[in-house]
Structure formats: structure tokens, C-alpha cells
Protein backbone atom coordinates (compact mmCIF):
# COMPACT_ATOMS: atom_id res chain seq x y z
CA MET A 1 -62.42 34.30 -83.97
CA ALA A 2 -60.57 37.47 -84.90
CA ARG A 3 -59.70 39.79 -87.76
CA LYS A 4 -56.33 39.35 -89.43
CA SER A 5 -53.69 41.97 -88.86
CA SER A 6 -49.96 42.32 -89.28
CA ASN A 7 -49.77 43.56 -85.69
CA LEU A 8 -51.60 41.09 -83.46
CA GLU A 9 -50.93 43.10 -80.30
CA LEU A 10 -53.21 45.87 -81.56
CA ILE A 11 -56.01 43.72 -82.90
CA ILE A 12 -59.35 43.34 -81.11
CA PHE A 13 -60.29 39.68 -80.67
CA ASN A 14 -63.85 38.37 -80.80
CA ILE A 15 -64.16 35.49 -78.33
CA SER A 16 -66.99 33.37 -76.98
CA ILE A 17 -67.36 32.46 -73.32
CA ALA A 18 -69.01 29.26 -72.09
CA ALA A 19 -71.19 30.08 -69.09
CA TYR A 20 -73.65 28.24 -66.89
CA GLU A 21 -76.31 29.08 -64.36
CA LEU A 22 -75.40 28.52 -60.71
CA GLY A 23 -79.05 28.00 -59.86
CA VAL A 24 -79.27 30.08 -56.69
CA VAL A 25 -77.62 33.27 -57.91
CA PRO A 26 -78.29 34.49 -61.49
CA THR A 27 -75.21 34.34 -63.70
CA VAL A 28 -76.54 35.89 -66.90
CA GLU A 29 -79.55 37.86 -68.06
CA GLU A 30 -80.99 38.58 -71.49
CA VAL A 31 -80.82 42.21 -72.60
CA ASP A 32 -81.94 43.20 -76.12
CA ASN A 33 -81.84 39.54 -77.22
CA GLU A 34 -78.24 39.17 -76.01
CA LEU A 35 -76.90 37.38 -72.95
CA GLN A 36 -75.02 39.54 -70.46
CA PHE A 37 -73.32 38.69 -67.19
CA VAL A 38 -74.82 40.17 -64.04
CA GLY A 39 -73.37 41.60 -60.85
CA ILE A 40 -69.73 41.05 -60.06
CA LEU A 41 -69.30 38.75 -63.06
CA LYS A 42 -70.24 41.64 -65.34
CA ASP A 43 -67.62 43.85 -63.69
CA PHE A 44 -65.01 41.11 -63.96
CA TRP A 45 -65.57 40.41 -67.65
CA SER A 46 -65.77 44.11 -68.48
CA SER A 47 -62.31 44.50 -66.94
CA TYR A 48 -61.09 41.42 -68.80
CA ALA A 49 -62.39 42.70 -72.15
CA LYS A 50 -60.85 46.14 -71.65
CA PHE A 51 -57.46 44.83 -70.53
CA THR A 52 -57.16 42.09 -73.15
CA ARG A 53 -58.75 44.13 -75.96
CA THR A 54 -61.47 41.60 -76.69
CA ARG A 55 -65.17 41.54 -77.41
CA TYR A 56 -67.05 38.57 -76.05
CA THR A 57 -70.34 36.76 -76.55
CA ILE A 58 -71.86 34.40 -74.00
CA LYS A 59 -73.00 30.84 -74.67
CA LEU A 60 -74.88 28.87 -72.00
CA SER A 61 -74.13 25.19 -71.46
CA ASP A 62 -76.49 22.49 -70.28
CA GLU A 63 -75.99 20.15 -67.37
CA PRO A 64 -73.62 18.83 -66.24
CA ILE A 65 -71.71 22.05 -65.72
CA TRP A 66 -68.17 20.81 -66.36
CA GLY A 67 -69.11 18.14 -68.87
CA THR A 68 -69.01 14.35 -69.16
CA TRP A 69 -65.63 12.84 -69.94
CA LYS A 70 -65.38 9.67 -72.07
CA LYS A 71 -62.17 7.76 -72.65
CA GLY A 72 -60.83 8.28 -76.13
CA VAL A 73 -63.44 10.94 -76.85
CA GLY A 74 -62.97 13.67 -74.28
CA TYR A 75 -65.76 15.98 -73.17
CA THR A 76 -69.09 15.69 -74.95
CA ASP A 77 -71.19 18.28 -73.12
CA GLY A 78 -71.00 21.05 -70.54
CA ILE A 79 -68.61 23.99 -70.76
CA LEU A 80 -65.62 21.71 -71.38
CA GLY A 81 -67.44 20.07 -74.26
CA MET A 82 -68.04 23.52 -75.72
CA LEU A 83 -64.32 24.25 -75.52
CA GLN A 84 -63.34 20.92 -77.02
CA ASN A 85 -65.81 21.33 -79.89
CA ASN A 86 -64.54 24.85 -80.65
CA GLU A 87 -67.88 26.35 -79.64
CA ALA A 88 -66.23 28.61 -77.05
CA ASN A 89 -62.80 30.07 -76.30
CA LYS A 90 -63.04 30.48 -72.51
CA VAL A 91 -65.18 29.57 -69.51
CA HIS A 92 -66.60 32.26 -67.27
CA LEU A 93 -65.05 30.82 -64.10
CA HIS A 94 -61.63 29.28 -63.62
CA VAL A 95 -61.95 25.51 -63.64
CA PRO A 96 -60.66 22.87 -61.20
CA ILE A 97 -57.16 21.89 -62.24
CA GLY A 98 -57.84 18.20 -61.84
CA LEU A 99 -59.45 17.81 -65.22
CA LYS A 100 -58.88 14.66 -67.25
CA ASP A 101 -57.42 15.54 -70.66
CA PRO A 102 -58.34 19.24 -70.38
CA PRO A 103 -59.26 20.78 -73.75
CA GLY A 104 -57.41 23.89 -74.87
CA VAL A 105 -54.55 25.25 -72.78
CA PHE A 106 -53.96 26.65 -69.33
CA THR A 107 -52.65 30.13 -68.63
CA ARG A 108 -51.65 30.74 -65.07
CA VAL A 109 -49.90 32.85 -62.45
CA LEU A 110 -47.70 31.49 -59.70
CA LYS A 111 -48.33 33.00 -56.30
CA GLU A 112 -47.81 32.27 -52.61
CA GLU A 113 -50.98 31.14 -50.86
CA THR A 114 -51.72 29.85 -47.37
CA TYR A 115 -53.16 26.45 -46.54
CA HIS A 116 -53.94 24.98 -43.17
CA ILE A 117 -54.63 21.78 -41.38
CA LEU A 118 -57.59 22.22 -39.07
CA SER A 119 -57.56 19.93 -36.04
CA ILE A 120 -60.73 19.44 -34.00
CA THR A 121 -60.07 18.99 -30.29
CA ALA A 122 -62.64 18.39 -27.56
CA GLN A 123 -62.13 20.41 -24.38
CA THR A 124 -63.56 17.65 -22.23
CA SER A 125 -62.77 13.96 -21.91
CA ILE A 126 -66.42 12.92 -21.99
CA ILE A 127 -68.66 13.95 -24.85
CA THR A 128 -72.30 13.02 -25.23
CA PHE A 129 -74.38 13.90 -28.28
CA LYS A 130 -78.02 14.97 -28.29
CA GLN A 131 -80.20 15.52 -31.31
CA ASN A 132 -81.07 19.20 -31.75
CA PRO A 133 -83.66 19.46 -34.55
CA THR A 134 -84.16 23.21 -34.31
CA ILE A 135 -82.19 25.86 -36.15
CA ASN A 136 -81.61 28.73 -33.77
CA GLY A 137 -80.50 32.22 -34.69
CA ARG A 138 -76.83 31.36 -34.46
CA CYS A 139 -77.25 28.39 -36.78
CA LEU A 140 -79.21 30.56 -39.19
CA PHE A 141 -76.39 33.08 -39.31
CA MET A 142 -73.78 30.39 -39.91
CA LEU A 143 -76.00 28.77 -42.53
CA LEU A 144 -76.25 32.03 -44.48
CA ALA A 145 -72.52 32.59 -44.16
CA SER A 146 -71.85 29.06 -45.40
CA LEU A 147 -74.11 29.57 -48.40
CA THR A 148 -72.41 32.85 -49.25
CA VAL A 149 -68.96 31.25 -49.16
CA ALA A 150 -70.17 28.36 -51.29
CA LEU A 151 -71.39 30.74 -53.98
CA PHE A 152 -68.38 33.00 -54.19
CA THR A 153 -65.40 30.69 -53.80
CA MET A 154 -65.88 28.58 -56.94
CA CYS A 155 -63.33 30.14 -59.19
CA SER A 156 -59.87 28.61 -59.49
CA GLY A 157 -57.66 25.79 -58.28
CA ALA A 158 -54.56 25.71 -56.12
CA ALA A 159 -51.59 23.36 -55.85
CA PHE A 160 -49.56 22.99 -52.70
CA ASN A 161 -46.48 21.35 -51.20
CA THR A 162 -47.34 18.93 -48.41
CA ASN A 163 -44.03 19.32 -46.61
CA ALA A 164 -44.97 22.89 -45.63
CA ILE A 165 -47.92 21.89 -43.46
CA THR A 166 -47.29 22.56 -39.78
CA GLY A 167 -48.91 20.94 -36.84
CA THR A 168 -51.67 21.29 -34.31
CA ILE A 169 -51.42 21.85 -30.58
CA GLY A 170 -50.41 18.69 -28.75
CA GLU A 171 -49.74 16.36 -31.66
CA GLN A 172 -47.70 17.86 -34.49
CA VAL A 173 -49.01 17.24 -38.00
CA ASN A 174 -46.08 18.36 -40.11
CA ASN A 175 -47.20 16.76 -43.38
CA LEU A 176 -49.88 14.55 -44.83
CA THR A 177 -48.07 11.42 -43.73
CA ASP A 178 -48.47 12.49 -40.09
CA ILE A 179 -52.24 12.30 -40.47
CA VAL A 180 -51.89 8.57 -40.98
CA ARG A 181 -49.05 8.14 -38.48
CA LEU A 182 -51.08 9.80 -35.71
CA ASN A 183 -54.24 7.95 -36.75
CA LYS A 184 -56.09 11.20 -37.37
CA ILE A 185 -59.41 11.22 -39.22
CA PRO A 186 -59.29 13.16 -42.51
CA VAL A 187 -62.49 15.12 -43.15
CA PHE A 188 -62.93 16.44 -46.69
CA ILE A 189 -65.06 19.55 -47.26
CA ASP A 190 -66.61 19.69 -50.71
CA GLY A 191 -64.97 22.36 -52.85
CA GLU A 192 -62.43 23.33 -50.19
CA SER A 193 -60.30 20.23 -49.52
CA MET A 194 -58.78 19.41 -52.94
CA TYR A 195 -60.65 16.12 -52.73
CA GLU A 196 -59.82 14.78 -56.21
CA SER A 197 -56.12 14.93 -55.34
CA PHE A 198 -56.68 12.38 -52.60
CA GLU A 199 -59.28 10.29 -54.42
CA GLY A 200 -57.00 10.04 -57.46
CA GLY A 201 -53.90 9.33 -55.36
CA ILE A 202 -51.63 11.78 -57.20
CA GLY A 203 -48.89 10.96 -54.68
CA LYS A 204 -48.31 8.31 -52.05
CA GLU A 205 -49.13 10.77 -49.25
CA PHE A 206 -52.42 11.65 -50.90
CA LYS A 207 -53.32 8.00 -51.41
CA ALA A 208 -52.45 7.17 -47.80
CA VAL A 209 -54.64 9.98 -46.48
CA TYR A 210 -57.51 8.88 -48.73
CA ASP A 211 -57.16 5.27 -47.56
CA GLN A 212 -57.15 6.56 -43.98
CA ALA A 213 -60.41 8.41 -44.61
CA LYS A 214 -61.86 5.34 -46.30
CA LYS A 215 -61.02 3.30 -43.22
CA PHE A 216 -63.25 5.61 -41.19
CA LYS A 217 -65.90 5.63 -43.97
CA LEU A 218 -65.26 9.32 -44.59
CA ASN A 219 -63.79 9.04 -48.07
CA LYS A 220 -66.50 11.27 -49.57
CA PRO A 221 -66.47 15.07 -49.22
CA VAL A 222 -68.97 16.68 -46.87
CA SER A 223 -70.68 19.90 -47.93
CA MET A 224 -70.51 22.92 -45.66
CA LEU A 225 -74.29 22.88 -45.32
CA ASP A 226 -74.33 19.18 -44.39
CA LEU A 227 -71.68 19.91 -41.80
CA MET A 228 -74.23 22.11 -40.03
CA ARG A 229 -76.49 19.15 -39.30
CA PRO A 230 -76.47 17.78 -35.74
CA LEU A 231 -74.61 14.48 -35.36
CA GLN A 232 -72.85 14.99 -38.69
CA LEU A 233 -69.57 14.77 -36.75
CA THR A 234 -69.32 12.01 -34.17
CA GLU A 235 -67.57 12.17 -30.81
CA HIS A 236 -64.51 10.44 -32.23
CA GLU A 237 -64.38 12.76 -35.23
CA CYS A 238 -64.68 15.87 -33.06
CA SER A 239 -61.74 14.65 -30.98
CA ASN A 240 -59.46 13.43 -33.78
CA GLY A 241 -60.67 14.98 -37.02
CA VAL A 242 -58.34 16.86 -39.35
CA MET A 243 -59.49 19.10 -42.21
CA ILE A 244 -57.30 20.30 -45.07
CA LEU A 245 -58.53 23.73 -46.11
CA GLY A 246 -57.65 26.87 -48.02
CA ILE A 247 -57.17 30.09 -46.09
CA ARG A 248 -60.47 31.54 -47.28
CA ALA A 249 -62.45 28.65 -45.78
CA ILE A 250 -60.60 28.47 -42.47
CA LYS A 251 -62.54 31.06 -40.45
CA LEU A 252 -65.95 29.82 -41.47
CA CYS A 253 -65.02 26.14 -41.10
CA TYR A 254 -63.52 26.33 -37.65
CA GLU A 255 -66.46 28.39 -36.39
CA THR A 256 -68.86 25.92 -37.99
CA VAL A 257 -67.10 22.94 -36.45
CA GLU A 258 -67.05 24.58 -33.03
CA LEU A 259 -70.73 25.34 -33.41
CA VAL A 260 -71.74 21.85 -34.54
CA CYS A 261 -69.70 19.98 -31.94
CA SER A 262 -70.51 22.38 -29.10
CA GLU A 263 -74.22 22.52 -29.91
CA ALA A 264 -74.48 18.75 -30.24
CA THR A 265 -72.49 17.92 -27.11
CA LYS A 266 -73.60 20.90 -25.00
CA ARG A 267 -69.93 21.21 -24.12
CA ARG A 268 -67.17 23.48 -25.33
CA VAL A 269 -65.28 22.11 -28.33
CA GLN A 270 -62.40 24.13 -29.74
CA THR A 271 -60.47 24.01 -32.99
CA TYR A 272 -56.82 24.82 -33.62
CA VAL A 273 -55.39 26.20 -36.83
CA SER A 274 -51.77 26.14 -37.97
CA PRO A 275 -50.66 28.50 -40.80
CA PRO A 276 -48.24 27.00 -43.35
CA PHE A 277 -47.50 28.48 -46.77
CA HIS A 278 -47.58 26.69 -50.11
CA THR A 279 -46.81 27.47 -53.72
CA THR A 280 -50.02 28.01 -55.65
CA ALA A 281 -50.89 27.96 -59.34
CA PHE A 282 -53.97 29.85 -60.47
CA LEU A 283 -55.18 28.44 -63.76
CA SER A 284 -57.36 29.74 -66.56
CA LEU A 285 -58.58 27.38 -69.29
CA ILE A 286 -58.68 28.72 -72.84
CA ASN A 287 -59.16 27.35 -76.35
CA PRO A 288 -57.03 29.56 -78.62
CA GLY A 289 -58.37 28.11 -81.88
CA ASN A 290 -56.42 26.67 -84.80
CA ASN A 291 -54.41 29.75 -85.79
CA GLU A 292 -51.08 29.40 -83.96
CA SER A 293 -50.11 33.09 -84.04
CA ILE A 294 -53.52 34.30 -82.90
CA GLY A 295 -53.65 31.56 -80.30
CA LYS A 296 -50.34 32.59 -78.74
CA GLU A 297 -51.38 36.24 -78.64
CA LEU A 298 -54.71 35.35 -77.02
CA ILE A 299 -52.90 33.23 -74.44
CA ARG A 300 -50.40 36.02 -73.76
CA ARG A 301 -53.17 38.52 -73.10
CA ASP A 302 -55.08 36.08 -70.91
CA GLY A 303 -52.00 35.30 -68.84
CA SER A 304 -51.10 38.97 -68.53
CA PHE A 305 -54.56 39.79 -67.21
CA ALA A 306 -54.44 36.92 -64.70
CA ASN A 307 -50.99 37.96 -63.52
CA VAL A 308 -52.01 41.58 -62.92
CA MET A 309 -55.29 40.60 -61.30
CA PHE A 310 -53.71 38.35 -58.71
CA GLU A 311 -50.59 40.39 -58.05
CA LYS A 312 -52.05 43.91 -58.18
CA GLY A 313 -55.77 43.50 -57.65
CA MET A 314 -58.73 44.34 -59.84
CA GLY A 315 -58.40 48.07 -59.21
CA GLN A 316 -54.90 48.13 -60.71
CA ILE A 317 -55.78 46.53 -64.05
CA ASN A 318 -54.97 49.05 -66.77
CA ASN A 319 -52.76 49.45 -69.82
CA LYS A 320 -49.98 51.09 -67.80
CA ILE A 321 -49.09 47.77 -66.17
CA ALA A 322 -46.53 45.80 -68.15
CA ASN A 323 -47.49 42.38 -69.46
CA TYR A 324 -45.56 39.42 -68.13
CA ASN A 325 -43.93 36.79 -70.29
CA SER A 326 -46.35 33.89 -70.41
CA LYS A 327 -43.73 31.46 -71.69
CA THR A 328 -41.55 32.07 -68.64
CA MET A 329 -44.50 31.57 -66.31
CA MET A 330 -45.52 28.36 -68.06
CA LYS A 331 -41.98 26.98 -67.82
CA ARG A 332 -42.00 27.73 -64.09
CA ALA A 333 -45.32 25.95 -63.73
CA THR A 334 -44.06 22.95 -65.67
CA ALA A 335 -40.94 22.80 -63.52
CA LEU A 336 -43.12 22.99 -60.41
CA TYR A 337 -45.15 19.92 -61.30
CA GLY A 338 -42.62 17.99 -63.34
CA LEU A 339 -45.47 16.78 -65.54
CA LYS A 340 -46.57 17.61 -69.09
CA THR A 341 -49.51 17.11 -71.39
CA ASP A 342 -50.31 17.98 -75.00
CA TRP A 343 -52.21 20.99 -76.24
CA PRO A 344 -53.12 22.22 -79.75
CA ILE A 345 -50.14 24.57 -80.31
CA GLN A 346 -47.04 22.40 -80.41
CA ASP A 347 -44.64 24.35 -78.22
CA ASP A 348 -43.00 22.53 -75.32
CA SER A 349 -42.71 25.73 -73.32
CA PHE A 350 -46.50 25.80 -72.96
CA GLN A 351 -47.08 22.16 -72.06
CA ILE A 352 -48.30 21.31 -68.58
CA ARG A 353 -50.39 18.64 -66.94
CA PRO A 354 -52.33 20.05 -64.00
CA LEU A 355 -52.59 18.36 -60.63
CA ASN A 356 -55.86 16.79 -59.49
CA LEU A 357 -57.35 19.37 -57.17
CA SER A 358 -60.92 20.40 -56.39
CA ASN A 359 -60.30 23.42 -54.21
CA PHE A 360 -61.48 26.72 -55.69
CA ALA A 361 -60.04 30.09 -54.82
CA LEU A 362 -61.38 33.52 -55.67
CA ILE A 363 -60.35 35.00 -58.98
CA PHE A 364 -61.70 38.39 -58.16
CA GLU A 365 -62.26 40.44 -55.04
CA SER A 366 -65.59 39.07 -53.83
CA MET A 367 -64.52 38.81 -50.20
CA THR A 368 -65.56 42.42 -49.58
CA PHE A 369 -69.02 41.52 -50.81
CA LEU A 370 -68.96 38.42 -48.61
CA GLU A 371 -68.15 40.43 -45.50
CA LEU A 372 -70.99 42.83 -46.27
CA VAL A 373 -73.41 39.94 -46.68
CA ILE A 374 -72.28 38.37 -43.40
CA LEU A 375 -72.61 41.74 -41.66
CA LEU A 376 -76.13 42.10 -43.04
CA CYS A 377 -76.98 38.58 -41.87
CA ASN A 378 -75.68 39.46 -38.43
CA VAL A 379 -77.85 42.59 -38.31
CA LEU A 380 -80.89 40.61 -39.43
CA TYR A 381 -80.16 38.02 -36.78
CA GLN A 382 -79.96 40.69 -34.07
CA ILE A 383 -83.35 42.00 -35.19
CA PHE A 384 -84.75 38.47 -35.18
CA ASN A 385 -83.18 37.84 -31.78
CA PHE A 386 -84.71 40.98 -30.31
CA ALA A 387 -88.13 40.22 -31.78
CA SER A 388 -88.16 36.67 -30.47
CA ARG A 389 -86.76 37.76 -27.08
CA ARG A 390 -83.93 35.28 -27.31
CA VAL A 391 -80.71 35.66 -25.39
CA LYS A 392 -77.89 37.15 -27.51
CA TRP A 393 -75.32 34.45 -28.37
CA THR A 394 -71.58 34.85 -28.13
CA MET A 395 -69.12 33.19 -30.52
CA PRO A 396 -66.69 30.89 -28.65
CA VAL A 397 -63.24 32.39 -28.38
CA SER A 398 -60.89 30.63 -30.79
CA SER A 399 -57.21 30.05 -30.23
CA VAL A 400 -56.51 31.23 -33.78
């Protein structure tokens, strides 16, 4: 994996990265018989290689993306199987931190992040639903925006403290327990609601919320695109539904919910958002190999890059920024969860068992690109609207 040197901090590491195709957007391309990342992924990994003093090669994995887990065996395929079988050192996107027996080790950065509870409230006491099979210009715009978010938010996981969640207008939802106490209907959004935390019951509050969703036959996550379908949310769900979301999904989700419920009922339906803060752990999965000294140095560089990226931004990544102490950060993370697991290098200061979460947060600044795409979609819609002589729509005013 690397050349030997008496000074590991100066050595250039050769690493392999397990990648996969997203299907809709190209991830890699072949140039001169070598695989290369494309677009923003190329920029990200170029920055990573420069900052961490590494050279990387790309290896594509087959379906399933993450890999199949077998008890007593671990991962046999996918990108996690490649890590476990020492075929790769890293994966090209940060993985969900709810992995069973994750191969390799995690390097992470602790950071404050915002999470919300989204409460759906009908503005009228009587709601009637009508099937609307057409996709108008407004739906088209929201559909494109939903697709864009789905493609560029699949990067890392986040942990949070439930006691920091504040309430909605009218009925206060101060924590997850209040969802059950107030007989609210939990609605999980695929990739944005930390679904595996609730399905796995990592705490009694999580299990209670999952059981509550199961009672209403909503114990499976709903995709953002499925949420766009008429009658996806019933009258009762529009009046009493609660979504648990990351800050990056809030704006799109509440506008989507308002759209779906308002379009279906032909009446104004409004959502309310409360902004609590939670402690977040961004995690990067890495297989450092069998050499303990090289492994620790590779982990230190990886953690240093992640720390600078999240705290300073991509534009500030350079050699002038001091590296942080990865051991200290790992101890903080271990203290946060109070849980541990084994990893190849036997050092208690690096041991951590991640929480079961499915939410993904951005690991690089793709939101600027997202806004540009949404703006372009809006312009295209206006052109389409003018050409079809439709009346220009107006987004409902939110209380957020």
C-alpha cells in the first residue's frame, strides 16, 4: 500500500478507492485505460490526494452498492466487501454509520448540526382528496429539485441527541417520546430520516417511534419522489404527520408536503418547522491495512482532511492548516456514544461503535451546484409555462 520510510509523515501513500456507479449521474469514466472520477467527485478526490499526500486508484464494485452482510462472515460483496477483503482502502462516499460490523476503522469530525421535526398541519377542518394524474409545471420543478437533492446528499451520516428537539406550533414536540405521547404519525423519508436508527431500536425512544409508525402502517421509509404522488399522504397524515429531517432536506420537504397536500385537497395546507441543534459525527470509513504504523498515519491524514473540510470548507484545504489530533477526536466520539467495537489496530483510543443511522449529509460543497440546478429548472419551467400559456404559479408562503 505504501513505500517504507523512516518518516511516515513525508511519505506518499498509494491507496485504492472502492467506487460504484450511481446509475443516473456518471461517477467514473475511463481515460487512457484508467478509471477517473468525474465532475465534483474528481475535484473532491484531487483535494483529498493533495492534502493527504496520496495517490489513488479506483476500483468499481458490483451490486449491491454497500454489500451483503452475513453473520459470522461479514461483507462478501459491494464496496464494504472490498474493504473487508483488503481490495480497497477507502470508499468514494462516506458511508451510513449504521453498518453492522463495519470493516476497517472510522475517522471522524465532531460538529454542530441542525435537525428538525417537521409537523404537517391542515389549515382547514375538512379535507377532501381528489386524484390528480397530471404533472403540472410546478410538480415538474419540484420533481427535478427532489431528484437533485437525492443525488447530492448521499455522503455521510449524522448522530443527534433527541432531547434537543423542539416543538411545533400548537402541540409541543420536545423529544421523540412526545411523538408517541401526542399520537403523532411518524413519516420516514428515505435517506433523510435516519430510518435504521428507528427500525433497529437503538434506544427506547427510537423503538417507541418506530412502533408508532408501524401502528399506522408507515414503518417503511418513503422516497422523496414517491412523496410527490397524489394521495401518498392521507388526510389524517397531512393533519398529524411528523417528519424527522436534516437541515438540508427541510426546505425541499416542507415545500413538497405543502404541494402534495394542497394539490390533492385543493385547499391550503401548511407545514411548521422548529430548529433544534444536535451534536453530529461525520464519519469516514477506511481500511488502513496490516501495518500498524502506516495504518495510524493514514488514519491521521484522513481525519485531518475531514476536520479541515468540515470546519474550514473545501477552499481552505491546504498545507498551512494544522492537522488535528485524531486520537483526541476519536476519544470524544467514543465518549459521545458510550459504545465501542473492535478494529484491526488494537488501540482503545480508536475504538468506536457507530449508531444506526441512514441519514446522509454532504461531505463537500455541492449545495451551490444544487441551487444552480434548481435555478435552471425554474428558468426552464418559466419558459415552458410561457409556451403553454399556463398561469404562473406562486409558492405558498411558509411560516418558516
